[in-house]
Amino acid sequence: MVISAYAPHAGLGEAEKRRFWESLDEVVRLSPPDHRLLIGGDLNGHIGTDAKGYVGVHGGFGYGVRNEEGISILEFAVAHDLVVANSFFRKTDAQLATFHSGGHSTQINYLLLRKGDLRTYRDCKVLTALTCSSQHKLLVMDLVLQRWVTKSVRPVQPRILWKKLNGEKA
């Protein structure tokens, strides 16, 4: 299941933010636990550079300073056994910053996925040369899928060993 999310920006009331996280929580709970889950979007928070307090959810390779909205992202990930994929791959600051405005850069776009699926992803970065809007950079992730090959069943023909046919058997 792929979920595209856009969190309320700073300045909106707490009630609006709470409604967003409750709605996202409901959608994630409806997702079957045995299916892959990918949440991508502008979550308007800063998870910071270190994993302090969120080891296993935050990989330790974030950007900037953690804020209250970033804590909400990390708490949501803990509650649903998710990881913030952006933070698990060592990148330059340019490959981590997803938003640029007025000479300032920050990371507010994230990809969240189930902890068990992290091993199927090989890389997550910002494409610095491409923009998807005037301020947002494109965030991409490489996924490796295994194709299961089923063996076709061929009927087996009995093999006659002619050299063993002698005497009465012949």
Protein backbone atom coordinates (compact mmCIF):
# COMPACT_ATOMS: atom_id res chain seq x y z
CA MET A 1 0.00 0.00 0.00
CA VAL A 2 1.33 3.43 -0.91
CA ILE A 3 0.13 6.46 1.02
CA SER A 4 0.86 10.01 -0.06
CA ALA A 5 0.58 12.47 2.82
CA TYR A 6 0.75 16.22 3.26
CA ALA A 7 0.86 17.34 6.89
CA PRO A 8 -0.42 20.73 8.01
CA HIS A 9 2.36 23.32 8.01
CA ALA A 10 3.64 25.23 11.01
CA GLY A 11 1.26 27.95 12.06
CA LEU A 12 -1.94 25.92 11.79
CA GLY A 13 -3.73 25.00 14.98
CA GLU A 14 -3.02 21.92 17.04
CA ALA A 15 -6.51 20.58 16.30
CA GLU A 16 -5.74 20.49 12.56
CA LYS A 17 -2.45 18.67 13.16
CA ARG A 18 -4.12 16.19 15.51
CA ARG A 19 -6.82 15.44 12.87
CA PHE A 20 -4.11 14.79 10.29
CA TRP A 21 -2.22 12.30 12.48
CA GLU A 22 -5.46 10.57 13.54
CA SER A 23 -6.53 10.19 9.90
CA LEU A 24 -3.13 8.82 8.89
CA ASP A 25 -3.22 6.50 11.90
CA GLU A 26 -6.59 5.12 10.77
CA VAL A 27 -5.38 4.49 7.22
CA VAL A 28 -2.22 2.71 8.43
CA ARG A 29 -4.24 0.53 10.82
CA LEU A 30 -6.42 -0.58 7.89
CA SER A 31 -3.33 -1.74 5.99
CA PRO A 32 -2.84 -5.52 6.35
CA PRO A 33 0.33 -6.19 8.38
CA ASP A 34 1.62 -8.73 5.84
CA HIS A 35 1.55 -6.20 2.97
CA ARG A 36 4.25 -3.67 2.19
CA LEU A 37 3.49 -0.17 3.35
CA LEU A 38 5.12 3.01 2.07
CA ILE A 39 4.16 6.44 3.36
CA GLY A 40 5.69 9.29 1.43
CA GLY A 41 5.07 12.96 1.67
CA ASP A 42 5.64 16.38 3.07
CA LEU A 43 5.27 15.78 6.82
CA ASN A 44 6.40 19.32 7.72
CA GLY A 45 8.67 18.35 10.58
CA HIS A 46 12.37 18.08 11.32
CA ILE A 47 13.60 14.75 12.71
CA GLY A 48 17.14 16.04 13.25
CA THR A 49 20.54 14.52 12.67
CA ASP A 50 20.75 12.07 15.55
CA ALA A 51 18.69 9.05 16.53
CA LYS A 52 18.72 9.92 20.24
CA GLY A 53 15.65 8.36 21.81
CA TYR A 54 14.48 6.81 18.55
CA VAL A 55 17.07 4.15 17.71
CA GLY A 56 15.56 1.64 15.30
CA VAL A 57 13.18 4.23 13.85
CA HIS A 58 15.73 6.93 13.04
CA GLY A 59 18.87 5.67 11.32
CA GLY A 60 21.11 8.47 12.57
CA PHE A 61 21.59 10.22 9.22
CA GLY A 62 19.03 13.02 9.33
CA TYR A 63 19.33 16.72 8.64
CA GLY A 64 18.94 19.77 10.83
CA VAL A 65 17.59 20.10 14.35
CA ARG A 66 14.62 18.09 15.64
CA ASN A 67 11.45 20.06 16.37
CA GLU A 68 8.02 19.27 17.86
CA GLU A 69 6.58 18.20 14.48
CA GLY A 70 9.61 15.94 13.98
CA ILE A 71 8.90 14.28 17.31
CA SER A 72 5.34 13.64 16.08
CA ILE A 73 6.74 11.91 12.98
CA LEU A 74 9.07 9.75 15.05
CA GLU A 75 6.37 8.91 17.63
CA PHE A 76 4.02 7.90 14.79
CA ALA A 77 6.75 5.66 13.37
CA VAL A 78 7.31 4.05 16.79
CA ALA A 79 3.56 3.45 17.24
CA HIS A 80 3.26 1.65 13.90
CA ASP A 81 6.64 -0.13 13.85
CA LEU A 82 7.86 2.00 10.93
CA VAL A 83 11.24 3.47 10.04
CA VAL A 84 12.10 6.82 8.47
CA ALA A 85 13.94 5.57 5.38
CA ASN A 86 15.66 8.92 4.68
CA SER A 87 17.61 8.60 7.90
CA PHE A 88 19.12 5.16 7.22
CA PHE A 89 21.40 6.10 4.33
CA ARG A 90 24.50 8.28 4.71
CA LYS A 91 24.24 11.18 2.28
CA THR A 92 25.62 14.65 1.80
CA ASP A 93 23.55 17.56 3.09
CA ALA A 94 22.51 18.35 -0.48
CA GLN A 95 21.14 14.81 -0.87
CA LEU A 96 19.21 15.06 2.42
CA ALA A 97 17.62 18.52 2.15
CA THR A 98 14.23 18.24 0.45
CA PHE A 99 13.06 21.85 0.74
CA HIS A 100 14.85 25.07 -0.24
CA SER A 101 13.48 28.56 0.30
CA GLY A 102 15.10 31.95 0.76
CA GLY A 103 18.61 30.56 0.96
CA HIS A 104 17.64 28.06 3.66
CA SER A 105 17.47 24.30 3.28
CA THR A 106 15.67 21.73 5.38
CA GLN A 107 14.35 18.19 5.32
CA ILE A 108 10.56 17.95 5.59
CA ASN A 109 9.76 15.23 3.05
CA TYR A 110 10.06 11.67 4.30
CA LEU A 111 9.52 8.07 3.28
CA LEU A 112 8.27 5.78 6.05
CA LEU A 113 8.04 2.02 5.71
CA ARG A 114 7.71 -1.08 7.85
CA LYS A 115 10.86 -2.13 9.70
CA GLY A 116 10.82 -5.58 8.12
CA ASP A 117 10.85 -4.08 4.61
CA LEU A 118 13.93 -1.91 5.16
CA ARG A 119 16.27 -4.64 3.88
CA THR A 120 14.58 -4.54 0.45
CA TYR A 121 15.51 -0.88 -0.04
CA ARG A 122 19.02 -0.09 -1.25
CA ASP A 123 19.18 3.70 -1.29
CA CYS A 124 17.16 6.81 -0.48
CA LYS A 125 18.23 10.28 -1.55
CA VAL A 126 17.21 13.63 -2.97
CA LEU A 127 17.88 14.20 -6.65
CA THR A 128 19.62 17.54 -6.47
CA ALA A 129 19.31 18.39 -10.15
CA LEU A 130 15.54 17.84 -10.34
CA THR A 131 12.76 19.76 -8.62
CA CYS A 132 9.13 18.74 -8.34
CA SER A 133 8.06 22.30 -7.48
CA SER A 134 9.84 25.59 -7.10
CA GLN A 135 10.98 24.73 -3.56
CA HIS A 136 10.78 20.95 -3.16
CA LYS A 137 13.39 18.50 -4.42
CA LEU A 138 12.49 15.02 -5.62
CA LEU A 139 13.03 12.28 -3.03
CA VAL A 140 13.64 8.79 -4.45
CA MET A 141 14.28 5.33 -3.08
CA ASP A 142 15.71 2.22 -4.77
CA LEU A 143 13.74 -0.94 -4.15
CA VAL A 144 14.93 -4.46 -4.93
CA LEU A 145 12.15 -6.95 -5.58
CA GLN A 146 12.79 -10.64 -5.90
CA ARG A 147 10.92 -12.51 -8.54
CA TRP A 148 9.83 -15.93 -7.45
CA VAL A 149 10.32 -18.53 -10.18
CA THR A 150 8.07 -21.53 -10.05
CA LYS A 151 9.43 -24.75 -11.47
CA SER A 152 7.26 -26.37 -14.05
CA VAL A 153 6.48 -30.00 -13.38
CA ARG A 154 7.34 -32.30 -16.26
CA PRO A 155 6.04 -35.84 -16.37
CA VAL A 156 8.83 -38.33 -15.76
CA GLN A 157 9.17 -41.18 -18.23
CA PRO A 158 10.39 -44.44 -16.72
CA ARG A 159 13.91 -45.19 -17.80
CA ILE A 160 14.72 -48.70 -19.04
CA LEU A 161 18.20 -49.93 -18.28
CA TRP A 162 18.74 -52.41 -21.12
CA LYS A 163 21.98 -53.77 -19.67
CA LYS A 164 20.11 -55.13 -16.66
CA LEU A 165 17.69 -57.06 -18.82
CA ASN A 166 19.21 -60.53 -19.03
CA GLY A 167 18.03 -63.98 -18.24
CA GLU A 168 14.40 -64.13 -17.07
CA LYS A 169 14.07 -60.33 -17.01
CA ALA A 170 14.78 -60.11 -20.74
